[in-house]
Amino acid sequence: MKKVLVAMLAVALIGVIAVSATAQVPNVQVFFDSAHTQTQTVCGAQGSLTTLYVVMNNWNMNVIGVDFSVIYGPSLVWLADVLPNPLNSTSVGQSPTGIAITYANCCYLPSFTNPEVLQITVSWGPCGCGAPKAVVVGGNTTLGKTQPTAIRKEDLQSFGGVGMTSLILSCPLATQPSTWGRVKELYR
C-alpha cells in the first residue's frame, strides 16, 4: 500500500514540476491529444497506432527554425515524423536521433503562440506494469546538443529551451470506494 502511495505521489510531483516549468520557460513538449492538453496517458493496446503532437511553448519570438530529439520509452515504437504543414516547412533528420525543422520566410511561427511543430506516428509496444514510462524531448543528438533550440527570425540568433517529459502510465491504479474512517484505520 505504501509503495502505491509513493508512486502516486511521485507522479503527482512530476506533474506539478512539469506544469510550473511549462508556465515559465521556453520548452518543447510532447502531447498525447490534438488539443495539446494531455501530457500523460494510459498505455494503449500493443500494436495499435497513435499520433503524438510536439508543441513549442512560451518561446515568445518569431521562429524560423527549431531542432530537438525525442526519446521514446520502451512502450512506444517510432514509425514516422509528419510535418503539420509541409507546404510551409521542411525537415532534416528524424525525431529519435535529432530533427531540424525550418519554415519559409512567409510562414514563420509567430511570437506568443504555442505552435504544433511535428506530428509523430508511433505504435504501442509492450507496457507491463511498474513505474511510469517517459517520452522525453531533448537536444538534437545528431548535432551534439543537450537541449532543444529555436532560431529567431529577425536576427537569426539561436536560443535554447527546455525539453519536457510526458508520462505513460503502464497500469491503471486499483481503487475502491471507502470512507475517511476506513482510511485512518489502515495507519493504526
Protein backbone atom coordinates (compact mmCIF):
# COMPACT_ATOMS: atom_id res chain seq x y z
CA MET A 1 0.00 0.00 0.00
CA LYS A 2 2.80 2.41 0.89
CA LYS A 3 4.55 1.70 -2.41
CA VAL A 4 1.40 2.61 -4.34
CA LEU A 5 1.07 5.85 -2.38
CA VAL A 6 4.73 6.72 -3.01
CA ALA A 7 4.30 6.01 -6.74
CA MET A 8 1.17 8.18 -6.87
CA LEU A 9 2.97 10.98 -5.02
CA ALA A 10 5.92 10.76 -7.43
CA VAL A 11 3.62 11.00 -10.48
CA ALA A 12 1.78 13.97 -8.95
CA LEU A 13 5.06 15.73 -8.12
CA ILE A 14 6.36 15.24 -11.68
CA GLY A 15 3.09 16.70 -12.96
CA VAL A 16 3.39 19.77 -10.70
CA ILE A 17 7.01 20.32 -11.74
CA ALA A 18 6.09 19.96 -15.41
CA VAL A 19 3.20 22.43 -15.11
CA SER A 20 5.33 25.02 -13.30
CA ALA A 21 8.18 24.67 -15.82
CA THR A 22 5.73 24.90 -18.72
CA ALA A 23 4.39 28.19 -17.37
CA GLN A 24 7.81 29.81 -17.07
CA VAL A 25 10.37 28.83 -19.70
CA PRO A 26 10.51 28.19 -23.43
CA ASN A 27 10.06 24.47 -23.90
CA VAL A 28 9.25 21.70 -26.35
CA GLN A 29 6.65 19.18 -25.13
CA VAL A 30 5.01 16.01 -26.47
CA PHE A 31 1.21 15.86 -26.11
CA PHE A 32 -0.99 12.79 -26.48
CA ASP A 33 -4.00 14.67 -27.91
CA SER A 34 -4.56 17.07 -30.80
CA ALA A 35 -5.89 19.77 -28.45
CA HIS A 36 -2.45 19.85 -26.74
CA THR A 37 -3.79 19.34 -23.23
CA GLN A 38 -2.70 15.80 -22.26
CA THR A 39 0.92 15.16 -21.23
CA GLN A 40 0.00 11.90 -19.51
CA THR A 41 -1.82 8.88 -20.89
CA VAL A 42 -2.52 5.25 -20.11
CA CYS A 43 -0.66 2.71 -22.24
CA GLY A 44 -2.55 1.69 -25.39
CA ALA A 45 -3.19 -1.75 -26.87
CA GLN A 46 0.01 -3.34 -28.16
CA GLY A 47 0.36 -2.89 -31.91
CA SER A 48 -2.21 -0.09 -32.21
CA LEU A 49 -1.18 3.19 -33.83
CA THR A 50 -1.39 6.64 -32.29
CA THR A 51 -0.22 10.17 -33.07
CA LEU A 52 1.89 12.28 -30.73
CA TYR A 53 1.97 16.08 -31.09
CA VAL A 54 5.13 18.13 -30.49
CA VAL A 55 4.44 21.73 -29.43
CA MET A 56 6.73 24.72 -28.77
CA ASN A 57 5.53 26.55 -25.64
CA ASN A 58 6.44 30.07 -24.41
CA TRP A 59 9.14 30.96 -26.96
CA ASN A 60 7.70 34.49 -27.33
CA MET A 61 9.62 35.27 -30.52
CA ASN A 62 9.13 34.77 -34.24
CA VAL A 63 10.71 31.39 -35.02
CA ILE A 64 12.08 30.23 -38.39
CA GLY A 65 13.68 27.01 -37.18
CA VAL A 66 13.68 24.51 -34.33
CA ASP A 67 15.63 21.35 -33.59
CA PHE A 68 15.22 18.63 -30.96
CA SER A 69 15.05 14.88 -30.48
CA VAL A 70 12.52 12.63 -28.76
CA ILE A 71 13.45 9.69 -26.56
CA TYR A 72 10.67 7.11 -26.66
CA GLY A 73 10.15 4.81 -23.71
CA PRO A 74 10.04 1.07 -24.27
CA SER A 75 6.25 1.18 -24.61
CA LEU A 76 6.38 3.19 -27.89
CA VAL A 77 7.83 2.26 -31.28
CA TRP A 78 8.59 5.24 -33.55
CA LEU A 79 7.26 4.88 -37.11
CA ALA A 80 7.23 8.30 -38.84
CA ASP A 81 7.53 12.06 -38.45
CA VAL A 82 4.89 14.19 -40.20
CA LEU A 83 5.06 17.98 -40.59
CA PRO A 84 1.70 19.65 -39.78
CA ASN A 85 2.02 21.88 -42.88
CA PRO A 86 4.59 20.50 -45.35
CA LEU A 87 3.92 23.35 -47.83
CA ASN A 88 5.46 25.91 -45.45
CA SER A 89 8.17 23.87 -43.73
CA THR A 90 10.81 21.24 -44.30
CA SER A 91 12.75 18.94 -42.03
CA VAL A 92 16.10 17.18 -41.90
CA GLY A 93 16.63 14.09 -39.76
CA GLN A 94 14.25 12.05 -37.66
CA SER A 95 12.91 12.67 -34.18
CA PRO A 96 14.59 9.68 -32.43
CA THR A 97 18.10 10.91 -33.31
CA GLY A 98 17.52 14.60 -33.99
CA ILE A 99 15.28 16.57 -36.30
CA ALA A 100 15.66 20.16 -37.55
CA ILE A 101 12.56 21.92 -38.90
CA THR A 102 12.72 25.17 -40.87
CA TYR A 103 9.94 27.45 -42.07
CA ALA A 104 9.53 29.52 -45.23
CA ASN A 105 10.15 33.26 -44.79
CA CYS A 106 6.46 33.97 -45.34
CA CYS A 107 5.33 31.34 -42.88
CA TYR A 108 7.42 31.60 -39.72
CA LEU A 109 5.97 30.69 -36.33
CA PRO A 110 4.67 33.96 -34.85
CA SER A 111 5.57 35.04 -31.34
CA PHE A 112 3.27 34.49 -28.34
CA THR A 113 1.73 31.35 -29.85
CA ASN A 114 2.29 27.72 -28.92
CA PRO A 115 2.56 26.13 -32.35
CA GLU A 116 2.48 22.45 -33.15
CA VAL A 117 5.73 21.70 -34.99
CA LEU A 118 5.57 17.95 -35.56
CA GLN A 119 3.18 15.00 -35.52
CA ILE A 120 4.75 11.64 -34.75
CA THR A 121 3.19 8.31 -35.67
CA VAL A 122 4.01 5.58 -33.16
CA SER A 123 2.90 2.05 -32.40
CA TRP A 124 2.25 0.87 -28.87
CA GLY A 125 4.77 -1.71 -27.69
CA PRO A 126 4.64 -3.85 -24.56
CA CYS A 127 3.87 -1.81 -21.47
CA GLY A 128 3.99 -4.09 -18.46
CA CYS A 129 3.17 -2.86 -15.00
CA GLY A 130 5.59 -0.82 -13.00
CA ALA A 131 6.87 2.73 -12.91
CA PRO A 132 5.50 5.22 -15.44
CA LYS A 133 7.33 5.29 -18.78
CA ALA A 134 8.59 8.59 -20.15
CA VAL A 135 8.63 10.33 -23.52
CA VAL A 136 11.43 12.89 -23.21
CA VAL A 137 12.22 15.80 -25.53
CA GLY A 138 15.92 16.63 -25.65
CA GLY A 139 18.50 18.30 -27.82
CA ASN A 140 19.31 17.25 -31.37
CA THR A 141 21.68 14.36 -30.56
CA THR A 142 22.95 14.21 -34.15
CA LEU A 143 24.34 17.72 -33.66
CA GLY A 144 25.54 17.02 -30.11
CA LYS A 145 23.03 19.39 -28.49
CA THR A 146 21.71 18.82 -24.99
CA GLN A 147 18.58 20.98 -25.26
CA PRO A 148 16.03 21.97 -27.91
CA THR A 149 16.92 25.17 -29.76
CA ALA A 150 14.99 27.68 -31.85
CA ILE A 151 16.19 30.34 -34.30
CA ARG A 152 14.70 33.83 -34.07
CA LYS A 153 13.52 35.25 -37.42
CA GLU A 154 14.68 38.85 -37.02
CA ASP A 155 18.39 38.27 -36.34
CA LEU A 156 18.90 34.50 -36.86
CA GLN A 157 20.07 34.08 -33.26
CA SER A 158 19.78 30.63 -31.69
CA PHE A 159 18.11 30.22 -28.29
CA GLY A 160 17.97 27.15 -26.06
CA GLY A 161 14.87 25.90 -24.34
CA VAL A 162 13.87 23.06 -22.08
CA GLY A 163 12.88 19.59 -23.24
CA MET A 164 9.87 18.40 -21.29
CA THR A 165 8.87 14.90 -20.16
CA SER A 166 5.47 13.31 -20.81
CA LEU A 167 4.33 10.19 -18.97
CA ILE A 168 2.78 6.89 -19.98
CA LEU A 169 1.08 5.15 -17.10
CA SER A 170 1.51 1.42 -17.60
CA CYS A 171 -1.27 0.07 -15.42
CA PRO A 172 -4.37 1.73 -14.08
CA LEU A 173 -4.24 2.17 -10.33
CA ALA A 174 -6.65 -0.06 -8.46
CA THR A 175 -9.12 1.89 -6.39
CA GLN A 176 -12.11 1.08 -4.26
CA PRO A 177 -14.63 3.34 -2.58
CA SER A 178 -14.01 3.90 1.09
CA THR A 179 -14.70 6.24 3.95
CA TRP A 180 -12.27 8.50 5.78
CA GLY A 181 -12.58 6.34 8.89
CA ARG A 182 -11.51 3.20 6.99
CA VAL A 183 -8.51 5.02 5.53
CA LYS A 184 -7.42 6.13 9.02
CA GLU A 185 -7.73 2.53 10.26
CA LEU A 186 -5.04 1.49 7.75
CA TYR A 187 -2.45 3.51 9.67
CA ARG A 188 -3.27 2.50 13.25
